[in-house]
Amino acid sequence: MKGLAPSIVQLPLSPKKSLKREKTRDCLSAASEHISTSSPRGIKPLAVRRVASLVNPLTNAKVMIHGGLGSRTRVVSFDKEARIVGHVPTRGELTPEECTTIWYSKDEFKEMKKEYIPVVKKLAKKLPLDEGEEARGLEHKTPRGCKSRQNNRFQAMDAVLDEQERQFEMERKDADYIAQIYRQSSAHCQMNAYLSAKKDAEFVQQMRETSCSEGTRDAAGQFCQKQQLPLPEVSEMRLSSFRYGAPEQSPTTPVRKESGKKVCMVVPQVVLSPQLVMSG
């Protein structure tokens, strides 16, 4: 179809080119690994973010990491009416105690590794997990998951390097087309990430509904006990309001339930049957 990148076909490389391609892979993987391992809590260090290019052994030309050769000029603009809501301190302004609360320490990394190693071993052997163990996020730590992630990464790298080499030979500069090639090569990874996130969202929603249902049941029991009414069935109750903070005004008194640092306001709304209305 017009406007779509062509299908990616992996062509065999000559021994000389294959060796150079391996060096390029190692160089790019080392930069990526350095970013992932040295980033505290997902924050990339400024020194790593400024890495702009590496040298492609195939053509002795620059392989741009944060934008291809001849890419569009990127412009950053600010709204004149924007208001500053807070100051973000730099790392030099933070105290050692504040740094400890933001960045993981080596000891914390060691403790996390000790905790997930037994889980990864069970995943690799396809054994059931014990109560309290969680495997979410450790899929790529198994031998199979690690190899799959490495293959996906190398496939995307090869697709980009092949297109860059073709453009260098043709003396063309089209960063958007290179990005399109990369998106096509990693489309299945994007879909897998979307499906995993969708499952997580469904799980969280289910937990919220369960928590709301239990909170509504307890609140309705207190309300009926105070009004000397029989407790209605679960099907006769529905949640009127559930939010963090103060709820809107309601004819019923909200029941305050504290959970950690957040306060949940649950307002029960009891649906009375006709028999109860007539007897009242």
C-alpha atoms as a PDB file:
ATOM      1  CA  MET A   1       0.000   0.000   0.000  1.00  0.00           C
ATOM      2  CA  LYS A   2       1.073   3.533  -0.624  1.00  0.00           C
ATOM      3  CA  GLY A   3       2.830   5.231   2.245  1.00  0.00           C
ATOM      4  CA  LEU A   4       3.716   2.018   4.066  1.00  0.00           C
ATOM      5  CA  ALA A   5       7.221   0.710   4.506  1.00  0.00           C
ATOM      6  CA  PRO A   6       8.098  -2.410   2.517  1.00  0.00           C
ATOM      7  CA  SER A   7       8.302  -5.771   4.223  1.00  0.00           C
ATOM      8  CA  ILE A   8      11.561  -6.310   6.054  1.00  0.00           C
ATOM      9  CA  VAL A   9      13.628  -9.136   4.618  1.00  0.00           C
ATOM     10  CA  GLN A  10      16.799 -10.232   6.396  1.00  0.00           C
ATOM     11  CA  LEU A  11      19.445 -10.785   3.736  1.00  0.00           C
ATOM     12  CA  PRO A  12      22.620 -12.758   4.489  1.00  0.00           C
ATOM     13  CA  LEU A  13      25.692 -10.593   5.040  1.00  0.00           C
ATOM     14  CA  SER A  14      29.235 -11.290   3.982  1.00  0.00           C
ATOM     15  CA  PRO A  15      31.630 -12.467   6.743  1.00  0.00           C
ATOM     16  CA  LYS A  16      33.324  -9.056   6.814  1.00  0.00           C
ATOM     17  CA  LYS A  17      30.057  -7.161   7.012  1.00  0.00           C
ATOM     18  CA  SER A  18      28.704  -9.653   9.524  1.00  0.00           C
ATOM     19  CA  LEU A  19      31.651  -9.011  11.848  1.00  0.00           C
ATOM     20  CA  LYS A  20      31.192  -5.238  11.566  1.00  0.00           C
ATOM     21  CA  ARG A  21      27.479  -5.606  12.155  1.00  0.00           C
ATOM     22  CA  GLU A  22      28.191  -7.544  15.351  1.00  0.00           C
ATOM     23  CA  LYS A  23      30.442  -4.725  16.544  1.00  0.00           C
ATOM     24  CA  THR A  24      27.687  -2.218  15.840  1.00  0.00           C
ATOM     25  CA  ARG A  25      25.205  -4.351  17.750  1.00  0.00           C
ATOM     26  CA  ASP A  26      27.536  -4.622  20.724  1.00  0.00           C
ATOM     27  CA  CYS A  27      28.108  -0.873  20.720  1.00  0.00           C
ATOM     28  CA  LEU A  28      24.397  -0.055  20.593  1.00  0.00           C
ATOM     29  CA  SER A  29      23.529  -2.743  23.128  1.00  0.00           C
ATOM     30  CA  ALA A  30      26.185  -1.437  25.500  1.00  0.00           C
ATOM     31  CA  ALA A  31      24.737   2.072  25.297  1.00  0.00           C
ATOM     32  CA  SER A  32      21.211   0.763  25.832  1.00  0.00           C
ATOM     33  CA  GLU A  33      22.311  -1.460  28.726  1.00  0.00           C
ATOM     34  CA  HIS A  34      24.130   1.446  30.343  1.00  0.00           C
ATOM     35  CA  ILE A  35      20.975   3.546  30.181  1.00  0.00           C
ATOM     36  CA  SER A  36      18.771   0.805  31.678  1.00  0.00           C
ATOM     37  CA  THR A  37      21.143  -0.195  34.493  1.00  0.00           C
ATOM     38  CA  SER A  38      22.339   3.244  35.536  1.00  0.00           C
ATOM     39  CA  SER A  39      18.949   4.935  35.475  1.00  0.00           C
ATOM     40  CA  PRO A  40      17.597   5.371  39.027  1.00  0.00           C
ATOM     41  CA  ARG A  41      13.903   4.479  39.176  1.00  0.00           C
ATOM     42  CA  GLY A  42      13.580   4.921  35.412  1.00  0.00           C
ATOM     43  CA  ILE A  43      15.261   8.375  35.328  1.00  0.00           C
ATOM     44  CA  LYS A  44      17.951   8.548  32.667  1.00  0.00           C
ATOM     45  CA  PRO A  45      21.099  10.399  33.703  1.00  0.00           C
ATOM     46  CA  LEU A  46      21.735  13.618  31.823  1.00  0.00           C
ATOM     47  CA  ALA A  47      25.153  12.424  30.671  1.00  0.00           C
ATOM     48  CA  VAL A  48      23.586   9.346  29.065  1.00  0.00           C
ATOM     49  CA  ARG A  49      20.735  11.282  27.472  1.00  0.00           C
ATOM     50  CA  ARG A  50      23.238  13.489  25.665  1.00  0.00           C
ATOM     51  CA  VAL A  51      24.748  10.549  23.786  1.00  0.00           C
ATOM     52  CA  ALA A  52      23.810  11.588  20.260  1.00  0.00           C
ATOM     53  CA  SER A  53      25.614   9.327  17.825  1.00  0.00           C
ATOM     54  CA  LEU A  54      27.848   6.335  17.317  1.00  0.00           C
ATOM     55  CA  VAL A  55      30.030   5.352  14.375  1.00  0.00           C
ATOM     56  CA  ASN A  56      28.688   2.793  11.954  1.00  0.00           C
ATOM     57  CA  PRO A  57      31.561   0.409  11.066  1.00  0.00           C
ATOM     58  CA  LEU A  58      29.898  -0.398   7.738  1.00  0.00           C
ATOM     59  CA  THR A  59      30.268   3.090   6.324  1.00  0.00           C
ATOM     60  CA  ASN A  60      32.283   4.999   8.959  1.00  0.00           C
ATOM     61  CA  ALA A  61      29.275   7.322   9.163  1.00  0.00           C
ATOM     62  CA  LYS A  62      27.361   8.447  12.197  1.00  0.00           C
ATOM     63  CA  VAL A  63      24.452   6.357  13.423  1.00  0.00           C
ATOM     64  CA  MET A  64      22.113   8.791  15.115  1.00  0.00           C
ATOM     65  CA  ILE A  65      20.407   7.519  18.250  1.00  0.00           C
ATOM     66  CA  HIS A  66      18.190  10.510  18.996  1.00  0.00           C
ATOM     67  CA  GLY A  67      17.419  11.555  15.414  1.00  0.00           C
ATOM     68  CA  GLY A  68      18.741  10.597  12.013  1.00  0.00           C
ATOM     69  CA  LEU A  69      20.993  12.577   9.720  1.00  0.00           C
ATOM     70  CA  GLY A  70      19.003  15.265   7.992  1.00  0.00           C
ATOM     71  CA  SER A  71      16.071  14.943  10.380  1.00  0.00           C
ATOM     72  CA  ARG A  72      13.600  17.786  10.727  1.00  0.00           C
ATOM     73  CA  THR A  73      14.514  20.740  12.901  1.00  0.00           C
ATOM     74  CA  ARG A  74      12.739  20.230  16.185  1.00  0.00           C
ATOM     75  CA  VAL A  75      11.308  23.264  17.908  1.00  0.00           C
ATOM     76  CA  VAL A  76      10.186  23.638  21.510  1.00  0.00           C
ATOM     77  CA  SER A  77       7.668  26.369  22.296  1.00  0.00           C
ATOM     78  CA  PHE A  78       6.145  27.527  25.568  1.00  0.00           C
ATOM     79  CA  ASP A  79       2.784  29.059  26.307  1.00  0.00           C
ATOM     80  CA  LYS A  80       3.125  32.679  27.407  1.00  0.00           C
ATOM     81  CA  GLU A  81       0.239  32.281  29.842  1.00  0.00           C
ATOM     82  CA  ALA A  82       1.601  29.120  31.473  1.00  0.00           C
ATOM     83  CA  ARG A  83       2.016  29.379  35.217  1.00  0.00           C
ATOM     84  CA  ILE A  84       4.853  27.764  37.155  1.00  0.00           C
ATOM     85  CA  VAL A  85       3.336  25.337  39.636  1.00  0.00           C
ATOM     86  CA  GLY A  86       6.499  24.157  41.324  1.00  0.00           C
ATOM     87  CA  HIS A  87      10.271  24.042  41.276  1.00  0.00           C
ATOM     88  CA  VAL A  88      12.010  20.826  40.263  1.00  0.00           C
ATOM     89  CA  PRO A  89      15.326  20.654  42.131  1.00  0.00           C
ATOM     90  CA  THR A  90      18.472  19.384  40.491  1.00  0.00           C
ATOM     91  CA  ARG A  91      20.430  16.485  41.926  1.00  0.00           C
ATOM     92  CA  GLY A  92      22.978  18.920  43.387  1.00  0.00           C
ATOM     93  CA  GLU A  93      20.246  20.610  45.410  1.00  0.00           C
ATOM     94  CA  LEU A  94      19.080  17.375  47.027  1.00  0.00           C
ATOM     95  CA  THR A  95      20.285  16.194  50.394  1.00  0.00           C
ATOM     96  CA  PRO A  96      21.756  12.679  50.806  1.00  0.00           C
ATOM     97  CA  GLU A  97      18.534  11.594  52.521  1.00  0.00           C
ATOM     98  CA  GLU A  98      16.442  12.849  49.605  1.00  0.00           C
ATOM     99  CA  CYS A  99      18.719  11.079  47.131  1.00  0.00           C
ATOM    100  CA  THR A 100      18.254   7.864  49.084  1.00  0.00           C
ATOM    101  CA  THR A 101      14.477   8.122  48.751  1.00  0.00           C
ATOM    102  CA  ILE A 102      14.687   8.733  44.977  1.00  0.00           C
ATOM    103  CA  TRP A 103      17.473   6.397  43.809  1.00  0.00           C
ATOM    104  CA  TYR A 104      17.845   2.708  44.475  1.00  0.00           C
ATOM    105  CA  SER A 105      21.040   1.746  46.250  1.00  0.00           C
ATOM    106  CA  LYS A 106      23.255  -1.226  45.442  1.00  0.00           C
ATOM    107  CA  ASP A 107      21.991  -3.069  48.510  1.00  0.00           C
ATOM    108  CA  GLU A 108      18.384  -2.545  47.399  1.00  0.00           C
ATOM    109  CA  PHE A 109      19.216  -3.916  43.947  1.00  0.00           C
ATOM    110  CA  LYS A 110      20.798  -6.969  45.565  1.00  0.00           C
ATOM    111  CA  GLU A 111      17.733  -7.559  47.734  1.00  0.00           C
ATOM    112  CA  MET A 112      15.388  -7.268  44.752  1.00  0.00           C
ATOM    113  CA  LYS A 113      17.542  -9.695  42.797  1.00  0.00           C
ATOM    114  CA  LYS A 114      17.457 -12.223  45.651  1.00  0.00           C
ATOM    115  CA  GLU A 115      13.675 -11.993  45.707  1.00  0.00           C
ATOM    116  CA  TYR A 116      13.016 -12.503  42.005  1.00  0.00           C
ATOM    117  CA  ILE A 117      15.639 -15.178  41.253  1.00  0.00           C
ATOM    118  CA  PRO A 118      13.512 -18.024  42.757  1.00  0.00           C
ATOM    119  CA  VAL A 119      10.470 -16.746  40.840  1.00  0.00           C
ATOM    120  CA  VAL A 120      12.399 -16.671  37.564  1.00  0.00           C
ATOM    121  CA  LYS A 121      13.585 -20.244  38.133  1.00  0.00           C
ATOM    122  CA  LYS A 122       9.998 -21.371  38.638  1.00  0.00           C
ATOM    123  CA  LEU A 123       8.927 -19.538  35.497  1.00  0.00           C
ATOM    124  CA  ALA A 124      11.665 -21.198  33.480  1.00  0.00           C
ATOM    125  CA  LYS A 125      10.591 -24.629  34.749  1.00  0.00           C
ATOM    126  CA  LYS A 126       6.879 -23.738  34.376  1.00  0.00           C
ATOM    127  CA  LEU A 127       6.238 -24.455  38.049  1.00  0.00           C
ATOM    128  CA  PRO A 128       3.343 -22.896  40.013  1.00  0.00           C
ATOM    129  CA  LEU A 129       4.177 -19.859  42.116  1.00  0.00           C
ATOM    130  CA  ASP A 130       3.706 -19.736  45.860  1.00  0.00           C
ATOM    131  CA  GLU A 131       1.303 -17.373  47.552  1.00  0.00           C
ATOM    132  CA  GLY A 132       2.719 -13.863  47.627  1.00  0.00           C
ATOM    133  CA  GLU A 133       5.011 -14.390  44.637  1.00  0.00           C
ATOM    134  CA  GLU A 134       4.410 -12.265  41.551  1.00  0.00           C
ATOM    135  CA  ALA A 135       5.832 -12.919  38.071  1.00  0.00           C
ATOM    136  CA  ARG A 136       4.571  -9.767  36.354  1.00  0.00           C
ATOM    137  CA  GLY A 137       7.523  -7.887  34.872  1.00  0.00           C
ATOM    138  CA  LEU A 138       9.918 -10.831  35.081  1.00  0.00           C
ATOM    139  CA  GLU A 139       8.943 -12.470  31.790  1.00  0.00           C
ATOM    140  CA  HIS A 140      12.082 -11.235  30.024  1.00  0.00           C
ATOM    141  CA  LYS A 141      14.337 -12.599  32.790  1.00  0.00           C
ATOM    142  CA  THR A 142      13.812 -16.223  31.775  1.00  0.00           C
ATOM    143  CA  PRO A 143      16.164 -17.717  29.153  1.00  0.00           C
ATOM    144  CA  ARG A 144      13.367 -17.872  26.611  1.00  0.00           C
ATOM    145  CA  GLY A 145      12.150 -14.349  27.334  1.00  0.00           C
ATOM    146  CA  CYS A 146      15.677 -12.944  27.306  1.00  0.00           C
ATOM    147  CA  LYS A 147      16.435 -14.539  23.934  1.00  0.00           C
ATOM    148  CA  SER A 148      13.148 -13.297  22.482  1.00  0.00           C
ATOM    149  CA  ARG A 149      13.841  -9.734  23.625  1.00  0.00           C
ATOM    150  CA  GLN A 150      17.370  -9.893  22.220  1.00  0.00           C
ATOM    151  CA  ASN A 151      16.108 -11.163  18.861  1.00  0.00           C
ATOM    152  CA  ASN A 152      13.516  -8.383  18.703  1.00  0.00           C
ATOM    153  CA  ARG A 153      16.136  -5.785  19.510  1.00  0.00           C
ATOM    154  CA  PHE A 154      18.610  -7.075  16.922  1.00  0.00           C
ATOM    155  CA  GLN A 155      15.913  -7.324  14.273  1.00  0.00           C
ATOM    156  CA  ALA A 156      15.001  -3.663  14.793  1.00  0.00           C
ATOM    157  CA  MET A 157      18.679  -2.652  14.810  1.00  0.00           C
ATOM    158  CA  ASP A 158      19.390  -4.526  11.595  1.00  0.00           C
ATOM    159  CA  ALA A 159      16.359  -2.997   9.884  1.00  0.00           C
ATOM    160  CA  VAL A 160      17.470   0.519  10.821  1.00  0.00           C
ATOM    161  CA  LEU A 161      21.134  -0.075   9.935  1.00  0.00           C
ATOM    162  CA  ASP A 162      20.201  -1.580   6.560  1.00  0.00           C
ATOM    163  CA  GLU A 163      18.023   1.410   5.694  1.00  0.00           C
ATOM    164  CA  GLN A 164      20.679   3.858   6.890  1.00  0.00           C
ATOM    165  CA  GLU A 165      23.303   2.132   4.760  1.00  0.00           C
ATOM    166  CA  ARG A 166      20.984   2.261   1.745  1.00  0.00           C
ATOM    167  CA  GLN A 167      20.376   5.975   2.250  1.00  0.00           C
ATOM    168  CA  PHE A 168      24.096   6.657   2.693  1.00  0.00           C
ATOM    169  CA  GLU A 169      24.835   4.910  -0.598  1.00  0.00           C
ATOM    170  CA  MET A 170      22.058   6.783  -2.394  1.00  0.00           C
ATOM    171  CA  GLU A 171      23.030  10.068  -0.685  1.00  0.00           C
ATOM    172  CA  ARG A 172      19.566  10.469   0.739  1.00  0.00           C
ATOM    173  CA  LYS A 173      18.421  11.655   4.160  1.00  0.00           C
ATOM    174  CA  ASP A 174      15.009  10.502   5.274  1.00  0.00           C
ATOM    175  CA  ALA A 175      14.772  10.060   9.046  1.00  0.00           C
ATOM    176  CA  ASP A 176      10.982   9.679   8.904  1.00  0.00           C
ATOM    177  CA  TYR A 177      11.287   6.632   6.646  1.00  0.00           C
ATOM    178  CA  ILE A 178      13.850   5.097   9.012  1.00  0.00           C
ATOM    179  CA  ALA A 179      11.416   5.632  11.885  1.00  0.00           C
ATOM    180  CA  GLN A 180       8.696   3.986   9.817  1.00  0.00           C
ATOM    181  CA  ILE A 181      10.940   0.986   9.193  1.00  0.00           C
ATOM    182  CA  TYR A 182      11.617   0.715  12.918  1.00  0.00           C
ATOM    183  CA  ARG A 183       7.927   0.952  13.800  1.00  0.00           C
ATOM    184  CA  GLN A 184       7.108  -1.827  11.375  1.00  0.00           C
ATOM    185  CA  SER A 185       9.882  -4.015  12.758  1.00  0.00           C
ATOM    186  CA  SER A 186       8.743  -3.533  16.368  1.00  0.00           C
ATOM    187  CA  ALA A 187       4.973  -3.561  15.764  1.00  0.00           C
ATOM    188  CA  HIS A 188       4.521  -6.989  17.367  1.00  0.00           C
ATOM    189  CA  CYS A 189       6.366  -5.817  20.487  1.00  0.00           C
ATOM    190  CA  GLN A 190       4.036  -2.848  20.722  1.00  0.00           C
ATOM    191  CA  MET A 191       1.006  -5.102  20.431  1.00  0.00           C
ATOM    192  CA  ASN A 192       2.297  -7.449  23.153  1.00  0.00           C
ATOM    193  CA  ALA A 193       2.923  -4.490  25.445  1.00  0.00           C
ATOM    194  CA  TYR A 194      -0.595  -3.204  24.771  1.00  0.00           C
ATOM    195  CA  LEU A 195      -2.174  -6.580  25.584  1.00  0.00           C
ATOM    196  CA  SER A 196      -0.161  -6.852  28.811  1.00  0.00           C
ATOM    197  CA  ALA A 197      -1.187  -3.341  29.846  1.00  0.00           C
ATOM    198  CA  LYS A 198      -4.813  -4.148  29.035  1.00  0.00           C
ATOM    199  CA  LYS A 199      -4.697  -7.197  31.318  1.00  0.00           C
ATOM    200  CA  ASP A 200      -3.177  -5.086  34.089  1.00  0.00           C
ATOM    201  CA  ALA A 201      -5.924  -2.476  33.682  1.00  0.00           C
ATOM    202  CA  GLU A 202      -8.636  -5.143  33.834  1.00  0.00           C
ATOM    203  CA  PHE A 203      -7.072  -6.609  36.984  1.00  0.00           C
ATOM    204  CA  VAL A 204      -6.904  -3.197  38.675  1.00  0.00           C
ATOM    205  CA  GLN A 205     -10.501  -2.441  37.687  1.00  0.00           C
ATOM    206  CA  GLN A 206     -11.623  -5.777  39.115  1.00  0.00           C
ATOM    207  CA  MET A 207      -9.813  -5.083  42.374  1.00  0.00           C
ATOM    208  CA  ARG A 208     -11.410  -1.634  42.571  1.00  0.00           C
ATOM    209  CA  GLU A 209     -14.888  -3.045  42.007  1.00  0.00           C
ATOM    210  CA  THR A 210     -14.310  -5.684  44.663  1.00  0.00           C
ATOM    211  CA  SER A 211     -13.071  -3.071  47.123  1.00  0.00           C
ATOM    212  CA  CYS A 212     -15.998  -0.769  46.341  1.00  0.00           C
ATOM    213  CA  SER A 213     -18.509  -3.613  46.746  1.00  0.00           C
ATOM    214  CA  GLU A 214     -17.103  -4.609  50.138  1.00  0.00           C
ATOM    215  CA  GLY A 215     -16.993  -0.980  51.289  1.00  0.00           C
ATOM    216  CA  THR A 216     -20.587  -0.388  50.184  1.00  0.00           C
ATOM    217  CA  ARG A 217     -21.773  -3.504  52.006  1.00  0.00           C
ATOM    218  CA  ASP A 218     -20.136  -2.416  55.280  1.00  0.00           C
ATOM    219  CA  ALA A 219     -21.430   1.139  54.949  1.00  0.00           C
ATOM    220  CA  ALA A 220     -24.968  -0.036  54.194  1.00  0.00           C
ATOM    221  CA  GLY A 221     -24.889  -2.289  57.249  1.00  0.00           C
ATOM    222  CA  GLN A 222     -24.011   0.616  59.509  1.00  0.00           C
ATOM    223  CA  PHE A 223     -26.694   2.796  57.896  1.00  0.00           C
ATOM    224  CA  CYS A 224     -29.429   0.154  58.263  1.00  0.00           C
ATOM    225  CA  GLN A 225     -28.399  -0.610  61.825  1.00  0.00           C
ATOM    226  CA  LYS A 226     -28.706   3.062  62.728  1.00  0.00           C
ATOM    227  CA  GLN A 227     -32.115   3.367  61.022  1.00  0.00           C
ATOM    228  CA  GLN A 228     -33.270  -0.010  62.463  1.00  0.00           C
ATOM    229  CA  LEU A 229     -33.837  -1.422  58.978  1.00  0.00           C
ATOM    230  CA  PRO A 230     -33.098  -4.951  57.743  1.00  0.00           C
ATOM    231  CA  LEU A 231     -29.948  -5.212  55.661  1.00  0.00           C
ATOM    232  CA  PRO A 232     -30.927  -5.434  51.959  1.00  0.00           C
ATOM    233  CA  GLU A 233     -29.450  -7.950  49.603  1.00  0.00           C
ATOM    234  CA  VAL A 234     -26.268  -7.178  47.707  1.00  0.00           C
ATOM    235  CA  SER A 235     -28.237  -6.880  44.469  1.00  0.00           C
ATOM    236  CA  GLU A 236     -30.353  -4.128  46.038  1.00  0.00           C
ATOM    237  CA  MET A 237     -27.355  -1.903  46.768  1.00  0.00           C
ATOM    238  CA  ARG A 238     -25.388   0.214  44.380  1.00  0.00           C
ATOM    239  CA  LEU A 239     -22.456   2.549  44.781  1.00  0.00           C
ATOM    240  CA  SER A 240     -23.475   6.197  44.733  1.00  0.00           C
ATOM    241  CA  SER A 241     -20.091   7.866  45.036  1.00  0.00           C
ATOM    242  CA  PHE A 242     -16.515   6.688  45.343  1.00  0.00           C
ATOM    243  CA  ARG A 243     -13.741   9.203  45.091  1.00  0.00           C
ATOM    244  CA  TYR A 244     -10.618  10.428  46.806  1.00  0.00           C
ATOM    245  CA  GLY A 245     -11.239  13.517  48.893  1.00  0.00           C
ATOM    246  CA  ALA A 246     -14.522  15.137  49.904  1.00  0.00           C
ATOM    247  CA  PRO A 247     -17.597  13.903  48.018  1.00  0.00           C
ATOM    248  CA  GLU A 248     -20.425  16.042  46.823  1.00  0.00           C
ATOM    249  CA  GLN A 249     -23.327  16.703  49.175  1.00  0.00           C
ATOM    250  CA  SER A 250     -25.568  13.679  49.535  1.00  0.00           C
ATOM    251  CA  PRO A 251     -28.685  12.954  51.601  1.00  0.00           C
ATOM    252  CA  THR A 252     -26.813  10.123  53.280  1.00  0.00           C
ATOM    253  CA  THR A 253     -23.809  10.553  55.517  1.00  0.00           C
ATOM    254  CA  PRO A 254     -20.580   9.344  53.883  1.00  0.00           C
ATOM    255  CA  VAL A 255     -18.570   6.709  55.680  1.00  0.00           C
ATOM    256  CA  ARG A 256     -14.911   7.546  55.948  1.00  0.00           C
ATOM    257  CA  LYS A 257     -12.486   4.693  55.378  1.00  0.00           C
ATOM    258  CA  GLU A 258      -8.770   5.288  55.687  1.00  0.00           C
ATOM    259  CA  SER A 259      -6.367   3.235  53.617  1.00  0.00           C
ATOM    260  CA  GLY A 260      -2.737   4.262  53.955  1.00  0.00           C
ATOM    261  CA  LYS A 261      -2.320   7.930  53.098  1.00  0.00           C
ATOM    262  CA  LYS A 262      -5.439   8.133  50.940  1.00  0.00           C
ATOM    263  CA  VAL A 263      -8.948   8.598  52.280  1.00  0.00           C
ATOM    264  CA  CYS A 264     -11.774   6.842  50.453  1.00  0.00           C
ATOM    265  CA  MET A 265     -15.251   8.306  50.762  1.00  0.00           C
ATOM    266  CA  VAL A 266     -17.968   5.692  50.275  1.00  0.00           C
ATOM    267  CA  VAL A 267     -21.578   6.844  50.186  1.00  0.00           C
ATOM    268  CA  PRO A 268     -24.095   3.989  50.433  1.00  0.00           C
ATOM    269  CA  GLN A 269     -27.363   4.269  48.613  1.00  0.00           C
ATOM    270  CA  VAL A 270     -29.884   1.685  49.820  1.00  0.00           C
ATOM    271  CA  VAL A 271     -32.705   0.661  47.526  1.00  0.00           C
ATOM    272  CA  LEU A 272     -35.654  -0.298  49.723  1.00  0.00           C
ATOM    273  CA  SER A 273     -38.175  -2.866  48.614  1.00  0.00           C
ATOM    274  CA  PRO A 274     -41.932  -1.975  48.409  1.00  0.00           C
ATOM    275  CA  GLN A 275     -42.613  -4.100  51.533  1.00  0.00           C
ATOM    276  CA  LEU A 276     -40.191  -2.007  53.583  1.00  0.00           C
ATOM    277  CA  VAL A 277     -41.708   1.227  52.276  1.00  0.00           C
ATOM    278  CA  MET A 278     -45.266   0.132  53.124  1.00  0.00           C
ATOM    279  CA  SER A 279     -44.276  -1.106  56.578  1.00  0.00           C
ATOM    280  CA  GLY A 280     -42.442   2.155  57.298  1.00  0.00           C
END
